[in-house]
């Protein structure tokens, strides 16, 4: 396929946080002349703004990739859209009505939570920084002690039948390695299966609050662990909890060790605790149905970090 054909493929606005999800956090009674909106606090701009769900949390072509014949593919975005539709149905028909889920519905929710952990800009940048740092450390080590890579060269030759790439030590100081878009996209998708598997066997509780409202953010799935060594998003780690607000009135809690009722009304103190967790897990912005939500005072400690 000619290169100009690839370049002419139109870009697509890909929502990092699904629109159907964001719509669950819109203000109750927007003015008659306004499109339904939610409140967004962008940490860089430092002010609250009214935004329609379609106008936030998107990035051009973030889930697009070039397929094996050189055409821009949106297969991942389309798969996400299909999953979002299934999740919306389960949420609307079952979770909102406090009805127990069948195995298939539980599988849909498990996959949706897993995808929402890894499809964010925060996760993407974390992977990018981690891999880039390792690669650049590797180059620094090579520059300092190139003789130590003789073993690596021999092993590479034996396993691949190819010569190890020659690195010019004179140019290493000018090299800064960054990961490619397709590599990052693969790293965002790869963990989903294992995370989904763990989530499906963990304990689930849906929390309901109608007096005070839950908020969300651009990193809406919050992982909490009592172990200071636990870094990843809860999957496979014991003594951990995952908080995931599904709407302004409902929050999902997923845990290994704490078994509660499937559906539970919660007091204001729990709503504030979860909103605090959402604030501190957020990356660039938070989303709220109202500006004076419970827990807003924790924004001060977020801004200090």
Protein backbone atom coordinates (compact mmCIF):
# COMPACT_ATOMS: atom_id res chain seq x y z
CA UNK A 1 0.00 0.00 0.00
CA UNK A 2 1.52 3.38 -0.94
CA UNK A 3 2.73 5.60 1.88
CA UNK A 4 0.55 8.51 0.80
CA UNK A 5 -2.47 6.21 1.17
CA UNK A 6 -1.58 5.64 4.83
CA UNK A 7 -1.01 9.31 5.46
CA UNK A 8 -4.40 10.19 3.93
CA UNK A 9 -6.32 7.98 6.36
CA UNK A 10 -8.47 10.38 8.45
CA UNK A 11 -7.70 10.70 12.15
CA UNK A 12 -10.34 9.65 14.63
CA UNK A 13 -11.29 11.13 17.99
CA UNK A 14 -10.83 8.22 20.42
CA UNK A 15 -12.32 8.64 23.89
CA UNK A 16 -9.99 7.46 26.62
CA UNK A 17 -12.90 7.56 29.07
CA UNK A 18 -16.10 6.32 27.36
CA UNK A 19 -18.87 8.82 26.74
CA UNK A 20 -21.58 6.50 28.08
CA UNK A 21 -19.61 6.33 31.33
CA UNK A 22 -19.10 10.09 31.61
CA UNK A 23 -22.80 10.69 30.99
CA UNK A 24 -23.50 8.98 34.31
CA UNK A 25 -21.82 11.94 36.05
CA UNK A 26 -23.68 14.84 34.39
CA UNK A 27 -25.33 17.52 36.51
CA UNK A 28 -28.88 16.64 37.53
CA UNK A 29 -30.64 19.72 36.14
CA UNK A 30 -28.65 21.65 33.53
CA UNK A 31 -30.29 24.85 32.25
CA UNK A 32 -32.78 24.40 29.43
CA UNK A 33 -30.50 26.08 26.90
CA UNK A 34 -27.46 23.94 27.78
CA UNK A 35 -26.34 20.59 26.50
CA UNK A 36 -26.10 18.19 29.48
CA UNK A 37 -22.70 18.73 31.06
CA UNK A 38 -20.44 17.75 33.89
CA UNK A 39 -17.85 19.75 35.83
CA UNK A 40 -14.20 19.22 34.92
CA UNK A 41 -11.25 20.48 36.93
CA UNK A 42 -8.09 20.54 34.82
CA UNK A 43 -5.08 20.64 37.16
CA UNK A 44 -2.93 22.47 34.62
CA UNK A 45 -5.48 25.22 34.04
CA UNK A 46 -6.59 25.26 37.66
CA UNK A 47 -10.25 26.09 37.08
CA UNK A 48 -13.59 24.36 36.82
CA UNK A 49 -15.27 24.24 33.43
CA UNK A 50 -18.60 22.92 32.17
CA UNK A 51 -18.02 20.25 29.55
CA UNK A 52 -20.25 17.94 27.55
CA UNK A 53 -19.02 14.31 27.74
CA UNK A 54 -18.19 14.30 24.03
CA UNK A 55 -15.74 17.17 24.52
CA UNK A 56 -13.42 15.69 27.14
CA UNK A 57 -11.11 12.72 27.68
CA UNK A 58 -10.20 12.02 24.06
CA UNK A 59 -7.07 11.89 21.95
CA UNK A 60 -6.67 11.51 18.22
CA UNK A 61 -5.79 7.97 17.08
CA UNK A 62 -4.61 6.83 20.51
CA UNK A 63 -5.89 3.29 19.83
CA UNK A 64 -5.12 3.25 16.08
CA UNK A 65 -2.29 1.16 14.64
CA UNK A 66 -0.91 0.25 11.23
CA UNK A 67 -1.95 -3.27 10.24
CA UNK A 68 0.19 -5.72 8.30
CA UNK A 69 -0.75 -4.18 4.94
CA UNK A 70 0.06 -0.65 6.03
CA UNK A 71 -3.44 0.69 6.62
CA UNK A 72 -4.44 2.54 9.76
CA UNK A 73 -6.69 0.25 11.76
CA UNK A 74 -9.26 1.14 14.39
CA UNK A 75 -10.01 -2.47 15.38
CA UNK A 76 -9.07 -1.86 19.03
CA UNK A 77 -11.28 1.22 19.23
CA UNK A 78 -14.13 -0.79 17.68
CA UNK A 79 -13.62 -3.61 20.20
CA UNK A 80 -13.71 -1.07 23.03
CA UNK A 81 -16.95 0.38 21.64
CA UNK A 82 -18.56 -3.07 21.55
CA UNK A 83 -17.49 -3.75 25.15
CA UNK A 84 -18.78 -0.34 26.25
CA UNK A 85 -22.19 -1.14 24.74
CA UNK A 86 -22.36 -4.44 26.60
CA UNK A 87 -21.26 -2.80 29.85
CA UNK A 88 -23.83 -0.03 29.46
CA UNK A 89 -26.57 -2.66 29.12
CA UNK A 90 -25.44 -4.58 32.20
CA UNK A 91 -25.14 -1.39 34.23
CA UNK A 92 -28.53 -0.05 33.16
CA UNK A 93 -30.48 -3.31 33.51
CA UNK A 94 -28.80 -5.00 36.45
CA UNK A 95 -26.48 -2.80 38.56
CA UNK A 96 -28.80 0.19 38.74
CA UNK A 97 -31.65 -2.13 39.78
CA UNK A 98 -29.52 -4.05 42.32
CA UNK A 99 -29.92 -7.35 40.54
CA UNK A 100 -27.34 -10.15 40.70
CA UNK A 101 -25.27 -10.74 37.58
CA UNK A 102 -25.12 -13.87 35.47
CA UNK A 103 -21.71 -15.32 34.61
CA UNK A 104 -21.65 -13.66 31.19
CA UNK A 105 -22.55 -10.28 32.68
CA UNK A 106 -19.89 -10.69 35.32
CA UNK A 107 -17.36 -11.43 32.56
CA UNK A 108 -18.39 -8.22 30.75
CA UNK A 109 -17.89 -6.14 33.90
CA UNK A 110 -14.54 -7.81 34.64
CA UNK A 111 -13.25 -7.01 31.16
CA UNK A 112 -14.54 -3.45 31.31
CA UNK A 113 -12.79 -2.79 34.63
CA UNK A 114 -9.55 -4.31 33.30
CA UNK A 115 -9.68 -2.18 30.15
CA UNK A 116 -10.40 0.94 32.16
CA UNK A 117 -7.24 0.28 34.15
CA UNK A 118 -4.95 0.14 31.15
CA UNK A 119 -6.45 2.37 28.43
CA UNK A 120 -5.68 5.66 30.21
CA UNK A 121 -3.04 8.28 29.45
CA UNK A 122 -1.68 7.78 32.96
CA UNK A 123 -1.04 4.07 32.33
CA UNK A 124 0.39 4.78 28.87
CA UNK A 125 2.84 7.37 30.21
CA UNK A 126 3.82 5.13 33.12
CA UNK A 127 4.75 2.34 30.70
CA UNK A 128 6.53 4.78 28.39
CA UNK A 129 8.64 6.24 31.20
CA UNK A 130 9.45 2.82 32.64
CA UNK A 131 10.60 1.29 29.34
CA UNK A 132 12.44 4.42 28.21
CA UNK A 133 14.31 4.66 31.50
CA UNK A 134 15.42 1.04 31.28
CA UNK A 135 16.58 1.46 27.68
CA UNK A 136 18.50 4.62 28.48
CA UNK A 137 20.11 3.02 31.53
CA UNK A 138 21.17 0.16 29.26
CA UNK A 139 22.90 2.60 26.93
CA UNK A 140 24.61 4.32 29.84
CA UNK A 141 25.91 0.97 31.10
CA UNK A 142 27.17 0.10 27.63
CA UNK A 143 28.98 3.42 27.42
CA UNK A 144 30.60 2.93 30.82
CA UNK A 145 31.64 -0.73 30.42
CA UNK A 146 31.27 -1.94 26.82
CA UNK A 147 33.42 -4.99 27.55
CA UNK A 148 30.68 -6.39 29.79
CA UNK A 149 28.43 -6.87 26.76
CA UNK A 150 30.59 -9.55 25.14
CA UNK A 151 28.47 -12.24 26.82
CA UNK A 152 25.29 -10.55 25.64
CA UNK A 153 26.58 -10.38 22.06
CA UNK A 154 27.51 -14.08 22.08
CA UNK A 155 24.17 -15.14 23.51
CA UNK A 156 22.26 -12.98 21.03
CA UNK A 157 24.24 -14.50 18.15
CA UNK A 158 23.62 -18.05 19.40
CA UNK A 159 19.87 -17.57 19.90
CA UNK A 160 19.05 -15.49 16.83
CA UNK A 161 21.81 -16.35 14.37
CA UNK A 162 22.35 -12.64 13.85
CA UNK A 163 25.06 -10.26 14.94
CA UNK A 164 24.26 -7.99 17.86
CA UNK A 165 23.67 -4.41 16.63
CA UNK A 166 26.81 -2.30 16.70
CA UNK A 167 26.53 0.68 19.02
CA UNK A 168 28.76 3.68 18.46
CA UNK A 169 29.83 4.76 21.93
CA UNK A 170 30.77 8.20 20.62
CA UNK A 171 27.13 9.03 19.89
CA UNK A 172 25.51 7.51 22.99
CA UNK A 173 25.47 10.78 24.89
CA UNK A 174 23.19 12.25 22.19
CA UNK A 175 20.73 9.34 22.13
CA UNK A 176 17.42 9.42 24.03
CA UNK A 177 15.28 6.32 23.53
CA UNK A 178 11.49 6.58 23.45
CA UNK A 179 8.94 3.84 22.89
CA UNK A 180 6.84 3.69 19.74
CA UNK A 181 3.09 4.20 19.63
CA UNK A 182 2.40 0.61 18.53
CA UNK A 183 4.61 -0.79 21.30
CA UNK A 184 2.79 1.27 23.92
CA UNK A 185 -0.57 0.23 22.52
CA UNK A 186 0.46 -3.41 22.81
CA UNK A 187 1.56 -2.88 26.41
CA UNK A 188 -1.79 -1.26 27.19
CA UNK A 189 -3.72 -4.23 25.79
CA UNK A 190 -1.48 -7.13 26.90
CA UNK A 191 -2.34 -7.12 30.66
CA UNK A 192 -6.12 -7.04 30.15
CA UNK A 193 -6.63 -10.81 30.00
CA UNK A 194 -4.82 -11.54 33.26
CA UNK A 195 -6.36 -8.58 35.09
CA UNK A 196 -9.82 -9.61 33.90
CA UNK A 197 -9.22 -13.15 35.17
CA UNK A 198 -8.28 -11.93 38.65
CA UNK A 199 -11.13 -9.44 38.87
CA UNK A 200 -13.67 -12.11 37.95
CA UNK A 201 -12.81 -14.20 41.03
CA UNK A 202 -12.48 -11.32 43.50
CA UNK A 203 -15.28 -10.19 45.81
CA UNK A 204 -17.59 -7.51 44.43
CA UNK A 205 -19.76 -4.98 46.24
CA UNK A 206 -21.79 -2.18 44.68
CA UNK A 207 -22.08 0.87 46.93
CA UNK A 208 -25.05 3.24 46.59
CA UNK A 209 -25.29 6.84 47.75
CA UNK A 210 -28.00 9.36 46.89
CA UNK A 211 -27.36 12.06 49.49
CA UNK A 212 -23.79 12.70 48.39
CA UNK A 213 -22.30 12.00 44.99
CA UNK A 214 -19.28 10.11 43.73
CA UNK A 215 -16.80 11.75 41.37
CA UNK A 216 -14.49 10.25 38.76
CA UNK A 217 -11.33 11.21 36.85
CA UNK A 218 -9.09 10.48 33.88
CA UNK A 219 -7.77 7.53 35.91
CA UNK A 220 -11.07 6.24 37.29
CA UNK A 221 -10.04 2.82 38.62
CA UNK A 222 -8.30 3.24 41.96
CA UNK A 223 -6.06 0.53 43.35
CA UNK A 224 -5.40 0.48 47.08
CA UNK A 225 -3.20 -2.00 48.93
CA UNK A 226 -2.14 -2.21 52.56
CA UNK A 227 1.27 -3.42 51.36
CA UNK A 228 3.75 -0.62 50.53
CA UNK A 229 5.36 -2.91 47.94
CA UNK A 230 2.18 -3.33 45.88
CA UNK A 231 2.44 -1.06 42.85
CA UNK A 232 0.25 -2.51 40.11
CA UNK A 233 -3.49 -2.12 39.73
CA UNK A 234 -4.56 -4.80 42.19
CA UNK A 235 -4.64 -7.81 39.90
CA UNK A 236 -2.98 -10.80 41.49
CA UNK A 237 -2.10 -8.90 44.68
CA UNK A 238 -3.66 -9.94 47.95
CA UNK A 239 -4.80 -7.50 50.66
CA UNK A 240 -5.88 -5.12 47.92
CA UNK A 241 -9.00 -3.22 46.99
CA UNK A 242 -10.14 -1.58 43.79
CA UNK A 243 -12.55 1.36 43.80
CA UNK A 244 -14.36 2.20 40.57
CA UNK A 245 -17.20 4.77 40.55
CA UNK A 246 -19.71 3.66 37.91
CA UNK A 247 -21.94 6.71 38.25
CA UNK A 248 -22.50 9.63 40.56
CA UNK A 249 -24.63 7.35 42.76
CA UNK A 250 -22.90 3.96 42.45
CA UNK A 251 -19.34 2.83 43.13
CA UNK A 252 -17.95 -0.66 42.65
CA UNK A 253 -15.56 -2.11 45.24
CA UNK A 254 -13.48 -5.15 44.27
CA UNK A 255 -11.35 -6.93 46.87
CA UNK A 256 -9.60 -10.17 47.68
CA UNK A 257 -10.21 -10.41 51.40
CA UNK A 258 -13.26 -8.37 52.30
CA UNK A 259 -16.60 -10.01 51.62
CA UNK A 260 -19.58 -7.68 51.96
CA UNK A 261 -23.14 -7.83 50.69
CA UNK A 262 -23.46 -7.46 46.94
CA UNK A 263 -25.45 -4.23 47.25
CA UNK A 264 -24.89 -1.77 50.07
CA UNK A 265 -26.08 1.73 50.94
CA UNK A 266 -23.19 3.70 52.39
CA UNK A 267 -22.87 6.78 54.63
CA UNK A 268 -21.25 10.06 53.66
CA UNK A 269 -17.94 9.08 55.25
CA UNK A 270 -17.48 6.28 52.71
CA UNK A 271 -18.35 8.55 49.79
CA UNK A 272 -15.78 11.07 51.02
CA UNK A 273 -13.13 8.38 51.40
CA UNK A 274 -13.67 7.14 47.85
CA UNK A 275 -13.76 10.66 46.40
CA UNK A 276 -10.47 11.36 48.17
CA UNK A 277 -9.00 8.24 46.55
CA UNK A 278 -10.24 9.34 43.13
CA UNK A 279 -8.63 12.75 43.58
CA UNK A 280 -5.26 11.31 44.48
CA UNK A 281 -5.37 8.68 41.74
CA UNK A 282 -6.27 11.22 39.04
CA UNK A 283 -3.70 12.30 36.48
CA UNK A 284 -4.65 15.55 34.75
CA UNK A 285 -8.28 16.17 35.68
CA UNK A 286 -11.25 15.13 37.78
CA UNK A 287 -14.91 15.00 36.78
CA UNK A 288 -17.82 15.79 39.08
CA UNK A 289 -21.60 16.26 38.75
CA UNK A 290 -21.37 19.31 41.05
CA UNK A 291 -18.49 21.56 42.13
CA UNK A 292 -19.14 21.36 45.87
CA UNK A 293 -18.98 17.56 46.18
CA UNK A 294 -18.10 15.88 49.45
CA UNK A 295 -14.34 15.48 49.74
CA UNK A 296 -13.47 18.56 47.68
CA UNK A 297 -11.21 19.76 50.50
CA UNK A 298 -8.76 16.97 49.58
CA UNK A 299 -7.97 18.83 46.37
CA UNK A 300 -5.59 20.99 48.41
CA UNK A 301 -3.35 18.05 49.27
CA UNK A 302 -3.51 16.89 45.63
CA UNK A 303 -2.34 20.26 44.36
CA UNK A 304 0.58 20.24 46.80
CA UNK A 305 1.93 17.07 45.16
